[in-house]
N, C-alpha and C. Protein backbone atom coordinates (compact mmCIF):
# COMPACT_ATOMS: atom_id res chain seq x y z
N MET A 1 -4.00 -3.43 -23.31
CA MET A 1 -3.87 -1.98 -22.55
C MET A 1 -2.32 -2.56 -22.13
N LYS A 2 -1.98 -0.95 -22.12
CA LYS A 2 -0.27 -0.89 -21.76
C LYS A 2 -0.48 -0.89 -20.08
N TYR A 3 1.19 -1.65 -19.77
CA TYR A 3 1.01 -0.85 -18.68
C TYR A 3 1.03 0.12 -17.90
N LEU A 4 1.87 1.02 -19.18
CA LEU A 4 1.70 2.29 -17.93
C LEU A 4 0.39 3.11 -17.82
N GLU A 5 -0.72 2.93 -19.12
CA GLU A 5 -2.23 2.98 -18.97
C GLU A 5 -2.58 2.21 -18.00
N PHE A 6 -2.19 0.78 -17.67
CA PHE A 6 -3.10 0.23 -16.39
C PHE A 6 -2.90 0.95 -15.36
N LEU A 7 -1.57 1.43 -15.12
CA LEU A 7 -1.02 1.72 -13.80
C LEU A 7 -2.13 3.81 -13.94
N ARG A 8 -1.90 4.32 -15.05
CA ARG A 8 -2.20 5.65 -14.90
C ARG A 8 -3.81 5.75 -14.57
N THR A 9 -4.53 4.56 -14.78
CA THR A 9 -5.96 4.16 -14.66
C THR A 9 -6.52 3.59 -13.79
N MET A 10 -5.49 2.92 -12.81
CA MET A 10 -5.81 2.32 -12.02
C MET A 10 -6.34 2.84 -10.69
N PRO A 11 -6.60 4.42 -10.11
CA PRO A 11 -7.34 4.96 -9.18
C PRO A 11 -9.41 4.23 -9.73
N SER A 12 -9.25 4.12 -11.21
CA SER A 12 -11.22 4.29 -11.36
C SER A 12 -10.82 2.59 -10.79
N ALA A 13 -9.94 1.72 -10.38
CA ALA A 13 -11.01 0.32 -10.23
C ALA A 13 -10.22 0.36 -8.60
N VAL A 14 -9.73 1.02 -8.14
CA VAL A 14 -9.38 1.20 -6.30
C VAL A 14 -10.30 2.08 -6.16
N LEU A 15 -10.79 3.76 -6.08
CA LEU A 15 -11.47 3.99 -5.30
C LEU A 15 -12.78 4.01 -5.49
N PRO A 16 -13.60 3.39 -6.49
CA PRO A 16 -14.90 3.08 -5.86
C PRO A 16 -14.83 1.82 -4.93
N HIS A 17 -13.93 1.15 -4.62
CA HIS A 17 -14.41 -0.33 -3.81
C HIS A 17 -13.81 0.62 -2.52
N ILE A 18 -13.67 2.16 -2.02
CA ILE A 18 -13.46 2.53 -0.64
C ILE A 18 -14.61 2.81 0.05
N PRO A 19 -14.69 2.46 1.27
CA PRO A 19 -16.13 2.63 1.44
C PRO A 19 -15.20 4.12 2.58
N ASP A 20 -16.73 5.11 2.40
CA ASP A 20 -16.86 6.17 2.68
C ASP A 20 -16.00 6.54 3.82
N HIS A 21 -15.99 6.39 4.58
CA HIS A 21 -14.56 6.30 6.25
C HIS A 21 -13.44 6.15 5.82
N LEU A 22 -12.75 5.89 4.47
CA LEU A 22 -11.86 6.07 3.96
C LEU A 22 -12.15 6.88 2.58
N SER A 23 -13.30 7.92 2.45
CA SER A 23 -12.75 8.32 1.34
C SER A 23 -12.06 9.71 1.15
N GLY A 24 -11.13 10.18 2.21
CA GLY A 24 -10.12 10.43 1.73
C GLY A 24 -8.85 10.67 1.44
N ILE A 25 -8.44 9.19 0.92
CA ILE A 25 -7.61 8.47 0.24
C ILE A 25 -7.58 9.50 -0.95
N ARG A 26 -6.26 10.19 -1.62
CA ARG A 26 -6.01 9.90 -2.49
C ARG A 26 -4.65 9.73 -3.44
N PRO A 27 -5.32 9.87 -4.80
CA PRO A 27 -4.08 8.90 -5.69
C PRO A 27 -2.97 10.40 -6.27
N HIS A 28 -1.80 9.42 -5.96
CA HIS A 28 -0.80 10.33 -6.50
C HIS A 28 -0.04 9.46 -7.83
N GLN A 29 0.32 10.17 -8.27
CA GLN A 29 0.93 8.92 -9.61
C GLN A 29 2.73 10.08 -9.57
N PRO A 30 3.73 9.99 -8.17
CA PRO A 30 5.05 10.76 -8.94
C PRO A 30 5.95 9.85 -9.95
N PHE A 31 5.73 9.03 -10.45
CA PHE A 31 6.78 8.65 -11.62
C PHE A 31 5.63 7.81 -12.77
N ARG A 32 5.77 7.94 -13.85
CA ARG A 32 5.04 6.56 -14.83
C ARG A 32 4.85 5.01 -14.65
N TRP A 33 5.81 4.90 -14.13
CA TRP A 33 6.02 2.95 -13.19
C TRP A 33 5.43 2.81 -11.56
N ILE A 34 4.98 3.98 -11.16
CA ILE A 34 3.97 3.13 -10.15
C ILE A 34 2.53 4.00 -9.57
N ILE A 35 1.44 3.29 -8.87
CA ILE A 35 0.74 4.89 -9.41
C ILE A 35 0.56 4.65 -6.97
N GLN A 36 0.82 5.76 -6.68
CA GLN A 36 -0.10 5.88 -5.13
C GLN A 36 -1.03 5.79 -4.96
N PHE A 37 -1.46 5.73 -3.31
CA PHE A 37 -2.56 6.78 -2.79
C PHE A 37 -2.07 7.36 -1.23
N ASN A 38 -2.53 7.88 -1.10
CA ASN A 38 -2.52 8.12 0.46
C ASN A 38 -3.31 9.44 1.14
N PHE A 39 -3.18 9.59 2.41
CA PHE A 39 -4.46 10.36 2.79
C PHE A 39 -3.47 11.47 3.66
N GLY A 40 -2.75 12.17 2.85
CA GLY A 40 -2.58 13.18 3.34
C GLY A 40 -0.99 13.23 3.63
N GLU A 41 0.12 12.36 3.13
CA GLU A 41 1.13 12.04 3.88
C GLU A 41 1.94 11.14 2.58
N GLN A 42 2.25 12.03 1.67
CA GLN A 42 2.66 11.19 0.54
C GLN A 42 3.97 10.31 1.13
N ARG A 43 4.41 10.35 2.21
CA ARG A 43 5.44 9.33 2.88
C ARG A 43 5.28 8.14 2.66
N LEU A 44 4.05 8.58 3.32
CA LEU A 44 3.00 7.29 3.59
C LEU A 44 2.38 6.46 2.88
N HIS A 45 2.49 5.82 2.41
CA HIS A 45 1.43 5.72 1.23
C HIS A 45 1.32 4.48 0.29
N TYR A 46 0.10 4.09 -0.22
CA TYR A 46 -0.27 2.64 -0.86
C TYR A 46 0.48 2.42 -1.97
N GLU A 47 0.84 1.73 -2.53
CA GLU A 47 1.26 1.49 -3.78
C GLU A 47 1.32 0.58 -4.54
N VAL A 48 0.88 1.03 -5.89
CA VAL A 48 1.29 -0.48 -7.37
C VAL A 48 1.76 -0.24 -8.30
N GLY A 49 3.25 -1.31 -8.04
CA GLY A 49 4.28 -1.06 -9.43
C GLY A 49 4.62 -2.52 -9.40
N ARG A 50 5.12 -2.43 -10.38
CA ARG A 50 6.55 -3.75 -10.33
C ARG A 50 7.55 -3.89 -9.40
N VAL A 51 7.72 -5.13 -9.26
CA VAL A 51 8.91 -5.34 -7.99
C VAL A 51 10.27 -5.35 -9.59
N ALA A 52 10.92 -4.50 -9.05
CA ALA A 52 12.80 -4.80 -9.54
C ALA A 52 12.71 -6.08 -10.66
N TYR A 53 13.38 -5.78 -11.77
CA TYR A 53 13.61 -6.81 -12.35
C TYR A 53 13.01 -7.84 -12.59
N SER A 54 11.27 -7.62 -12.89
CA SER A 54 10.56 -8.46 -12.61
C SER A 54 8.93 -8.18 -13.16
N LYS A 55 8.17 -8.91 -13.79
CA LYS A 55 6.63 -8.27 -13.75
C LYS A 55 5.65 -8.22 -13.52
N ASP A 56 6.07 -9.21 -11.77
CA ASP A 56 5.15 -8.87 -10.70
C ASP A 56 4.77 -8.02 -10.49
N LEU A 57 3.44 -7.67 -10.27
CA LEU A 57 2.75 -6.12 -9.00
C LEU A 57 3.70 -7.37 -7.43
N GLU A 58 3.86 -6.11 -7.16
CA GLU A 58 3.91 -5.54 -5.86
C GLU A 58 3.19 -4.28 -5.21
N LEU A 59 1.72 -4.93 -4.29
CA LEU A 59 1.21 -4.20 -3.85
C LEU A 59 0.99 -4.06 -2.28
N ALA A 60 1.35 -2.51 -1.96
CA ALA A 60 2.45 -2.70 -0.73
C ALA A 60 1.68 -1.18 0.21
N PHE A 61 2.16 -0.79 0.93
CA PHE A 61 1.60 0.06 2.39
C PHE A 61 3.29 0.51 2.59
N HIS A 62 4.14 1.81 1.80
CA HIS A 62 5.17 1.98 2.08
C HIS A 62 5.53 2.82 3.39
N PHE A 63 6.29 3.04 4.16
CA PHE A 63 6.79 3.54 5.02
C PHE A 63 8.02 4.57 4.66
N GLU A 64 8.42 5.64 3.59
CA GLU A 64 9.14 6.68 2.97
C GLU A 64 9.53 7.43 3.62
N SER A 65 9.06 7.66 4.82
CA SER A 65 9.31 8.66 6.33
C SER A 65 11.00 9.32 5.77
N LYS A 66 11.33 10.49 6.05
CA LYS A 66 13.11 10.52 6.12
C LYS A 66 13.31 10.26 8.01
N ASP A 67 12.66 9.34 8.65
CA ASP A 67 12.30 9.92 10.12
C ASP A 67 12.32 8.18 10.20
N LYS A 68 13.79 7.61 10.19
CA LYS A 68 13.96 6.31 9.80
C LYS A 68 13.57 5.52 11.52
N THR A 69 13.16 6.47 12.34
CA THR A 69 12.31 5.73 14.03
C THR A 69 11.14 5.69 13.50
N LEU A 70 10.42 6.48 12.90
CA LEU A 70 8.97 6.61 12.27
C LEU A 70 8.77 5.26 11.79
N ASN A 71 9.64 5.25 10.21
CA ASN A 71 9.07 4.38 9.70
C ASN A 71 9.39 2.68 10.26
N ARG A 72 10.68 2.72 11.26
CA ARG A 72 10.73 1.17 12.32
C ARG A 72 9.47 1.21 13.05
N TYR A 73 9.06 2.35 14.10
CA TYR A 73 7.84 2.38 14.68
C TYR A 73 6.73 1.48 14.28
N LEU A 74 6.12 2.23 12.77
CA LEU A 74 5.13 1.57 12.03
C LEU A 74 5.09 0.76 11.63
N LEU A 75 6.57 -0.06 11.17
CA LEU A 75 7.07 -1.45 10.81
C LEU A 75 6.72 -2.30 11.79
N THR A 76 7.11 -2.13 13.41
CA THR A 76 6.91 -2.51 14.83
C THR A 76 5.88 -2.73 14.95
N GLY A 77 4.74 -1.78 15.00
CA GLY A 77 2.80 -1.82 15.15
C GLY A 77 2.45 -2.92 13.99
N PHE A 78 2.98 -2.91 12.87
CA PHE A 78 2.49 -3.76 11.59
C PHE A 78 2.81 -5.54 11.78
N ARG A 79 3.84 -5.51 12.79
CA ARG A 79 4.55 -6.42 13.24
C ARG A 79 3.59 -7.86 13.98
N ARG A 80 2.95 -6.73 15.10
CA ARG A 80 2.35 -7.14 16.39
C ARG A 80 1.19 -7.25 15.67
N HIS A 81 0.73 -7.01 14.62
CA HIS A 81 -0.83 -7.04 13.57
C HIS A 81 -1.03 -8.34 12.80
N LEU A 82 0.10 -8.89 12.59
CA LEU A 82 0.28 -9.51 11.02
C LEU A 82 -0.46 -10.61 11.46
N PHE A 83 -0.63 -11.23 11.84
CA PHE A 83 -1.12 -12.60 12.08
C PHE A 83 -3.29 -12.22 11.68
N GLU A 84 -3.56 -10.87 12.81
CA GLU A 84 -4.97 -10.81 12.11
C GLU A 84 -4.86 -10.07 10.72
N ILE A 85 -3.98 -9.51 10.28
CA ILE A 85 -3.33 -9.47 8.75
C ILE A 85 -3.76 -10.46 8.02
N ARG A 86 -2.89 -11.26 8.71
CA ARG A 86 -2.81 -12.45 7.78
C ARG A 86 -4.42 -13.19 7.42
N ASP A 87 -5.19 -13.24 8.70
CA ASP A 87 -6.05 -13.63 8.69
C ASP A 87 -7.53 -13.45 7.88
N THR A 88 -6.94 -11.46 7.73
CA THR A 88 -8.08 -11.20 6.14
C THR A 88 -7.55 -11.01 5.30
N LEU A 89 -5.91 -11.01 4.95
CA LEU A 89 -5.56 -10.75 3.11
C LEU A 89 -5.14 -12.21 3.06
N GLY A 90 -4.65 -12.82 3.66
CA GLY A 90 -3.79 -14.33 3.28
C GLY A 90 -2.53 -14.06 3.85
N PRO A 91 -1.90 -14.91 4.00
CA PRO A 91 -0.31 -16.13 4.66
C PRO A 91 0.50 -14.89 3.24
N GLN A 92 0.12 -14.99 2.06
CA GLN A 92 1.10 -13.87 1.79
C GLN A 92 1.78 -12.40 1.91
N ILE A 93 1.17 -12.34 2.84
CA ILE A 93 1.49 -10.70 3.42
C ILE A 93 2.33 -10.67 4.28
N GLN A 94 3.78 -10.21 3.56
CA GLN A 94 4.53 -9.84 4.10
C GLN A 94 5.21 -8.61 5.01
N ALA A 95 5.73 -8.05 6.00
CA ALA A 95 6.12 -6.95 6.61
C ALA A 95 8.00 -7.21 6.66
N GLU A 96 8.56 -6.03 6.35
CA GLU A 96 10.05 -5.82 6.64
C GLU A 96 10.75 -4.57 6.16
N VAL A 97 11.56 -4.28 6.45
CA VAL A 97 12.80 -2.87 6.16
C VAL A 97 12.77 -3.28 5.06
N TRP A 98 13.12 -2.24 4.21
CA TRP A 98 13.19 -1.90 3.04
C TRP A 98 14.63 -1.16 2.61
N ASP A 99 14.55 -0.27 1.82
CA ASP A 99 15.34 0.36 1.97
C ASP A 99 16.03 1.54 1.69
N ARG A 100 16.55 2.29 2.37
CA ARG A 100 17.45 3.81 2.69
C ARG A 100 16.02 3.39 4.04
N GLY A 101 16.01 2.58 5.09
CA GLY A 101 15.80 2.87 6.10
C GLY A 101 13.93 2.82 6.19
N TRP A 102 13.24 3.02 5.05
CA TRP A 102 12.32 2.57 4.37
C TRP A 102 11.90 0.88 5.31
N ALA A 103 10.38 1.19 5.12
CA ALA A 103 9.66 -0.09 5.40
C ALA A 103 8.19 0.10 4.98
N LYS A 104 8.26 -1.41 4.62
CA LYS A 104 6.73 -1.78 4.06
C LYS A 104 5.69 -3.38 4.15
N VAL A 105 4.81 -2.85 4.35
CA VAL A 105 3.51 -4.48 4.26
C VAL A 105 3.30 -4.75 2.70
N TYR A 106 3.60 -6.46 2.17
CA TYR A 106 3.03 -6.18 1.05
C TYR A 106 2.96 -7.96 0.57
N GLU A 107 2.82 -7.26 -1.00
CA GLU A 107 2.02 -8.75 -0.86
C GLU A 107 2.68 -8.55 -2.62
N ARG A 108 3.34 -9.84 -3.47
CA ARG A 108 3.68 -9.96 -3.94
C ARG A 108 2.97 -10.47 -4.97
N VAL A 109 2.32 -10.15 -6.12
CA VAL A 109 0.94 -10.56 -7.43
C VAL A 109 1.74 -11.47 -8.69
N PRO A 110 1.95 -12.75 -8.22
CA PRO A 110 2.55 -12.94 -10.13
C PRO A 110 2.44 -12.21 -11.26
N GLU A 111 2.94 -12.82 -12.49
CA GLU A 111 3.37 -11.89 -13.25
C GLU A 111 1.78 -12.11 -14.28
N HIS A 112 0.80 -11.51 -14.78
CA HIS A 112 -0.49 -11.66 -15.58
C HIS A 112 -0.90 -10.83 -16.24
N PRO A 113 -1.69 -11.14 -17.57
CA PRO A 113 -1.24 -9.96 -18.71
C PRO A 113 -1.94 -9.09 -18.49
N ILE A 114 -1.95 -7.75 -18.81
CA ILE A 114 -2.31 -6.85 -18.58
C ILE A 114 -3.74 -6.55 -19.55
N SER A 115 -4.62 -6.67 -18.49
CA SER A 115 -6.13 -6.19 -19.28
C SER A 115 -7.04 -5.33 -18.39
N ALA A 116 -8.19 -5.08 -19.21
CA ALA A 116 -8.77 -4.28 -18.21
C ALA A 116 -9.42 -5.10 -16.76
N GLU A 117 -9.86 -6.64 -17.02
CA GLU A 117 -9.86 -7.42 -16.18
C GLU A 117 -8.92 -7.26 -14.91
N TYR A 118 -8.40 -7.64 -15.53
CA TYR A 118 -6.41 -7.88 -14.42
C TYR A 118 -6.66 -6.92 -13.42
N GLN A 119 -6.63 -5.40 -14.07
CA GLN A 119 -6.59 -4.01 -14.11
C GLN A 119 -7.82 -3.58 -12.71
N GLU A 120 -9.32 -4.50 -12.71
CA GLU A 120 -10.16 -4.72 -11.50
C GLU A 120 -9.75 -5.34 -10.19
N VAL A 121 -9.32 -6.58 -10.66
CA VAL A 121 -9.25 -7.53 -9.93
C VAL A 121 -7.68 -6.99 -8.86
N ILE A 122 -6.79 -6.36 -9.73
CA ILE A 122 -5.85 -5.48 -8.34
C ILE A 122 -6.49 -4.34 -8.15
N GLY A 123 -7.40 -3.62 -8.56
CA GLY A 123 -7.60 -2.52 -7.94
C GLY A 123 -8.88 -3.24 -6.58
N ARG A 124 -9.60 -4.44 -6.90
CA ARG A 124 -10.02 -4.33 -5.81
C ARG A 124 -9.15 -5.04 -4.66
N ARG A 125 -8.13 -5.91 -5.11
CA ARG A 125 -7.16 -6.18 -4.19
C ARG A 125 -6.42 -5.14 -2.99
N MET A 126 -6.23 -4.43 -3.94
CA MET A 126 -5.78 -2.51 -3.11
C MET A 126 -6.25 -2.05 -2.49
N ALA A 127 -7.81 -1.81 -2.62
CA ALA A 127 -8.69 -1.81 -1.75
C ALA A 127 -8.71 -2.51 -0.47
N GLU A 128 -9.34 -3.51 -1.06
CA GLU A 128 -8.80 -4.78 0.44
C GLU A 128 -7.83 -4.06 1.40
N ILE A 129 -6.43 -3.77 0.95
CA ILE A 129 -5.82 -3.65 1.78
C ILE A 129 -5.62 -2.77 1.93
N ILE A 130 -6.23 -1.33 1.74
CA ILE A 130 -6.11 -0.56 2.60
C ILE A 130 -7.10 -0.58 3.22
N ILE A 131 -8.22 -1.01 3.11
CA ILE A 131 -8.99 -1.22 3.93
C ILE A 131 -8.92 -1.81 5.32
N CYS A 132 -7.92 -2.94 5.04
CA CYS A 132 -7.57 -3.87 6.11
C CYS A 132 -6.53 -2.77 6.74
N LEU A 133 -5.56 -2.24 6.17
CA LEU A 133 -4.56 -1.82 7.09
C LEU A 133 -4.87 -0.33 7.43
N GLN A 134 -5.03 0.29 6.62
CA GLN A 134 -5.40 2.21 6.99
C GLN A 134 -5.60 2.30 8.68
N PRO A 135 -7.13 1.07 9.15
CA PRO A 135 -7.47 1.04 10.73
C PRO A 135 -6.28 1.19 11.53
N ILE A 136 -5.22 0.54 11.12
CA ILE A 136 -4.08 -0.87 12.43
C ILE A 136 -2.97 1.50 11.89
N PHE A 137 -3.20 1.34 10.55
CA PHE A 137 -1.66 3.05 10.96
C PHE A 137 -2.93 3.73 11.04
N ALA A 138 -3.91 4.42 11.20
CA ALA A 138 -4.60 5.26 12.16
C ALA A 138 -4.31 5.61 13.83
N ASP A 139 -4.58 4.22 14.20
CA ASP A 139 -4.35 3.60 15.98
C ASP A 139 -2.28 4.63 15.50
N LEU A 140 -1.81 3.73 15.28
CA LEU A 140 -0.14 3.51 15.14
C LEU A 140 0.70 5.14 14.68
N ARG A 141 -0.17 5.95 14.38
CA ARG A 141 0.50 7.10 13.58
C ARG A 141 -0.55 8.46 14.84
N GLN A 142 -1.49 7.71 15.60
CA GLN A 142 -1.96 8.60 17.00
C GLN A 142 -0.95 8.09 17.85
N ASP A 143 -1.06 6.89 17.86
CA ASP A 143 0.24 6.97 19.07
C ASP A 143 1.12 7.68 18.88
N VAL A 144 2.06 8.08 17.80
CA VAL A 144 2.98 8.73 16.98
C VAL A 144 2.84 9.99 17.98
N SER A 145 1.65 10.53 17.51
CA SER A 145 1.47 11.90 17.74
C SER A 145 1.12 12.10 18.97
N GLN A 146 1.28 11.76 19.92
CA GLN A 146 0.98 11.45 21.69
C GLN A 146 2.60 11.51 21.80
N ILE A 147 3.51 11.01 21.34
CA ILE A 147 4.89 10.52 21.17
C ILE A 147 5.81 11.82 21.65
N TYR A 148 5.63 12.78 20.23
CA TYR A 148 6.63 13.71 19.87
C TYR A 148 5.61 15.19 20.24
N ARG A 149 4.45 15.05 21.17
CA ARG A 149 4.04 16.25 21.51
C ARG A 149 5.70 17.46 21.80
């Protein structure tokens, strides 16, 4: 399996592992080299893609809003939950500022040969990340809507 096919078909490896209460998630592939999943806000999305200048994968929740304050607020909120996130997903989970005032919660997965079996492993892992992070995001997003009334 080629990398671009791996990404194009990634929704079939992720979505079956998403519980019914999160069934509103939608895949989106804005570029051939990444696949994203979101709940209606494309700039606030989960993403699978290669790390720049590497064949490692990044599994992430990206905060790429044009509102840098919102991105920072979400990052701060996730950092407050980082111990419990790591307790669920493992100590390799990071939360940091990124490019252009963006931020992300992510893990880096070491390079591995691309195959259907590996896609299933990555799909399940991405689903675990979404299941863990989405309730925290929903609470933070609700708080933001109260602040910006």
